Every structure is written in C-alpha cells, then in structure tokens.
Protein backbone atom coordinates (compact mmCIF):
# COMPACT_ATOMS: atom_id res chain seq x y z
CA MET A 1 -6.10 18.98 -18.79
CA ARG A 2 -3.66 17.41 -20.87
CA PRO A 3 -4.56 14.30 -23.25
CA ARG A 4 -3.48 11.08 -21.68
CA PHE A 5 -0.10 9.89 -23.69
CA GLN A 6 0.29 6.64 -25.69
CA ALA A 7 2.62 4.05 -23.81
CA ARG A 8 5.11 4.27 -26.61
CA ASN A 9 5.91 7.98 -25.73
CA PRO A 10 5.13 8.21 -21.75
CA ASP A 11 5.93 11.12 -19.59
CA ARG A 12 7.94 9.51 -17.13
CA GLY A 13 9.97 5.95 -16.55
CA PHE A 14 10.48 4.37 -13.50
CA LEU A 15 13.41 1.61 -13.48
CA ASP A 16 13.90 -0.29 -10.18
CA PHE A 17 15.72 -3.45 -9.78
CA VAL A 18 14.06 -4.98 -7.11
CA GLU A 19 11.13 -4.82 -5.62
CA ASP A 20 11.37 -4.54 -1.98
CA ASP A 21 9.22 -2.66 1.03
CA THR A 22 12.04 -0.17 1.67
CA LEU A 23 12.89 0.68 -1.49
CA ALA A 24 9.02 0.99 -2.49
CA LYS A 25 9.12 4.00 -0.04
CA ALA A 26 11.18 6.15 -3.58
CA ARG A 27 8.97 4.97 -5.83
CA GLN A 28 5.87 5.80 -3.61
CA GLY A 29 7.87 9.02 -2.58
CA PHE A 30 8.06 10.09 -6.76
CA ILE A 31 4.40 8.92 -7.40
CA GLU A 32 3.30 11.43 -4.64
CA ALA A 33 5.64 14.23 -5.21
CA LEU A 34 4.33 14.01 -8.79
CA ASP A 35 0.85 14.16 -7.58
CA GLU A 36 0.93 17.40 -5.45
CA HIS A 37 2.52 19.16 -8.40
CA GLY A 38 -0.60 18.15 -10.10
CA TYR A 39 0.87 15.39 -12.35
CA SER A 40 -1.67 12.36 -11.65
CA GLU A 41 -2.11 8.84 -13.41
CA LYS A 42 -5.71 9.03 -11.94
CA LYS A 43 -6.26 12.57 -13.47
CA GLY A 44 -4.80 11.58 -16.77
CA THR A 45 -2.29 14.43 -15.97
CA ILE A 46 0.80 11.97 -16.70
CA GLU A 47 1.80 8.59 -17.45
CA VAL A 48 4.48 6.97 -15.70
CA VAL A 49 5.93 3.37 -17.31
CA TYR A 50 6.98 1.21 -14.49
CA ARG A 51 9.74 -1.68 -15.12
CA CYS A 52 11.24 -3.85 -12.67
CA ALA A 53 14.03 -6.28 -13.34
CA GLN A 54 13.23 -8.70 -10.31
CA GLY A 55 16.99 -8.76 -9.03
CA ASP A 56 17.88 -9.64 -12.45
CA GLN A 57 20.60 -8.20 -14.24
CA PRO A 58 19.96 -8.77 -17.74
CA THR A 59 16.15 -8.36 -17.24
CA LEU A 60 17.31 -4.79 -15.61
CA ILE A 61 19.13 -4.20 -18.99
CA GLN A 62 16.44 -4.66 -21.31
CA ALA A 63 13.87 -3.05 -19.06
CA CYS A 64 15.71 -0.03 -19.30
CA GLN A 65 16.31 -0.28 -23.06
CA ASP A 66 12.61 -0.39 -23.14
CA LEU A 67 12.24 2.61 -21.50
CA ILE A 68 14.30 4.35 -23.79
CA SER A 69 13.20 3.48 -26.56
CA ARG A 70 9.99 5.17 -25.28
CA GLN A 71 11.81 8.32 -24.76
CA PRO A 72 10.27 9.51 -21.55
CA ARG A 73 11.23 13.30 -20.52
CA LEU A 74 13.03 11.60 -17.31
CA ILE A 75 13.63 8.22 -16.15
CA ALA A 76 13.61 7.76 -12.53
CA THR A 77 15.75 4.91 -10.90
CA CYS A 78 15.81 3.12 -8.05
CA PRO A 79 18.59 1.71 -6.41
CA THR A 80 22.23 2.23 -7.37
CA LEU A 81 22.35 -0.55 -10.12
CA SER A 82 19.44 0.84 -11.96
CA THR A 83 21.10 4.30 -12.19
CA ILE A 84 24.29 2.61 -13.26
CA VAL A 85 22.77 0.78 -16.06
CA ALA A 86 20.51 3.49 -17.41
CA ALA A 87 23.14 6.50 -17.07
CA GLN A 88 25.52 3.99 -19.22
CA ARG A 89 22.51 3.55 -21.87
CA THR A 90 21.76 7.35 -22.02
CA GLN A 91 22.97 10.76 -21.72
CA ASP A 92 20.10 12.43 -23.53
CA ILE A 93 17.27 11.86 -21.02
CA PRO A 94 17.75 13.17 -17.43
CA ILE A 95 17.65 10.51 -14.38
CA LEU A 96 16.36 11.26 -11.13
CA MET A 97 18.56 8.86 -8.77
CA MET A 98 16.83 7.27 -6.00
CA VAL A 99 18.86 5.41 -3.26
CA SER A 100 22.32 5.78 -5.11
CA PRO A 101 25.64 7.19 -4.02
CA ARG A 102 27.53 9.97 -5.12
CA PRO A 103 28.23 9.86 -8.90
CA ASP A 104 31.63 9.58 -9.02
CA ILE A 105 31.73 6.74 -6.31
CA VAL A 106 30.04 4.41 -8.89
CA GLY A 107 32.20 5.75 -11.94
CA LEU A 108 29.49 8.24 -13.31
CA THR A 109 31.87 10.93 -14.35
CA ARG A 110 33.26 12.71 -17.31
CA ALA A 111 36.85 12.42 -17.93
CA GLY A 112 37.60 16.19 -16.18
CA GLY A 113 36.01 14.44 -13.24
CA SER A 114 32.33 16.31 -13.84
CA PHE A 115 29.15 14.33 -13.09
CA GLN A 116 27.29 13.17 -16.13
CA SER A 117 25.02 16.13 -16.86
CA ASN A 118 21.76 14.42 -17.05
CA LEU A 119 21.64 12.78 -13.49
CA LEU A 120 19.57 14.42 -11.24
CA GLY A 121 18.09 13.83 -7.43
CA ALA A 122 19.79 12.98 -3.96
CA TYR A 123 22.80 11.02 -3.64
CA GLU A 124 24.25 9.04 -0.58
CA THR A 125 27.84 9.60 0.28
CA LEU A 126 28.03 6.24 1.39
CA ASP A 127 29.73 7.49 4.76
CA TYR A 128 27.47 5.12 6.82
CA LEU A 129 29.50 2.23 5.50
CA LYS A 130 32.28 3.23 7.38
CA GLU A 131 30.18 4.69 10.11
CA GLY A 132 28.18 2.33 11.29
CA PRO A 133 30.61 -0.63 11.98
CA ALA A 134 32.38 1.76 14.65
CA ILE A 135 28.97 2.95 16.34
CA ILE A 136 28.03 -0.44 16.46
CA ARG A 137 31.43 -1.27 18.20
CA GLN A 138 30.74 1.21 20.97
CA VAL A 139 26.82 -0.23 21.46
CA VAL A 140 27.71 -3.99 21.72
CA PRO A 141 32.03 -3.77 22.61
CA ARG A 142 32.42 -7.42 24.18
CA ARG A 143 31.05 -9.16 20.97
CA ALA A 144 33.67 -11.46 19.19
CA TRP A 145 31.65 -11.60 16.13
CA LEU A 146 29.61 -9.16 14.35
CA ALA A 147 27.75 -9.34 11.32
CA TRP A 148 26.27 -6.21 9.40
CA CYS A 149 23.88 -6.04 6.92
CA THR A 150 22.57 -2.84 5.11
CA THR A 151 19.62 -3.85 2.75
CA LEU A 152 18.15 -7.42 1.95
CA PRO A 153 18.44 -6.29 -2.20
CA ASN A 154 21.83 -5.19 -2.21
CA PRO A 155 23.68 -8.54 -0.60
CA SER A 156 27.30 -6.96 -1.78
CA LEU A 157 26.51 -4.93 1.47
CA CYS A 158 26.90 -7.26 3.94
CA TRP A 159 29.82 -8.11 6.01
CA ARG A 160 31.64 -9.97 8.71
CA TRP A 161 33.81 -8.72 11.49
CA ARG A 162 35.98 -10.59 14.44
C-alpha cells in the first residue's frame, strides 16, 4: 500500500464551480471510478483535494491556482467554466473534463485547431441546445410562449421563445 500523500502534493484535484445535486453525480462517478481501480481515500491509496467556488468566478480562479500550486497528477473539472479556467492556467497538468463542451466550442484549441493536449475526458457537442427546442415544439405545438432552462447552475442557458 502506498503512503498517504501530504496535502501539498495530492494525487488528484477536483475543481467544481458550484454545488448542485445533478453536477455532484459527476464528482461521485469520478470517485467511484477511482475506487473501482483500487484508488481510495478511505484506504489511503490516493488523495483528492476538492475545491468548489460556490458559483463565484473570482473564487474559482483562486481555487484553480491553489490546486495547480499543489501540483496534482490530474485535475478533474466540472462544469464548463471550471474546465476553461483550469485550461487557461495550465498546459502541464492533465485536465479531466466533465460536463463540458467540446474544447473548440469554448476556445480551447491551438493555432492549428487541435485541442489543447492536456484535455481529457468526455465532452458534449451541445447539439441538444439546437434540437431541444424543436422537440419541445413538436410535443407542445400550441403554446404561444415557451421557456426552457437546461441547468440551474448555468443560468446563461435559459431561453424564451415565442
């Protein structure tokens, strides 16, 4: 069994923008996946430093800088804004994106158009933003007004159509 790491040099970091029940599933899945592969904080085989900005962008930047200063082997990010902030501040530490769009959609590409090489994980194409309203119109075609909000933690994704 490996010795437990000091807080100054954790194995993994997790950067969260906001606490939310839905987004918490990503963090839970990350921890469970580590555990399934033999890495557990309870067993002392890994240390994960968790930082949450509570929805505050300046706090997110500080939290990210704190994680980077600890030099973890990987930083998991959730959602999009956490990924962007981490990617803008390090190209050396691998970043595991969760609940984030394809890197080119949010400007995380190199001059030639390739993705930043330290970005890992599954990403979204955001096609549901285009397809969602069309599907809703088919389901409720007689509504004069329609409001749609994809997630509460990201209020910029709320629209209203006539």
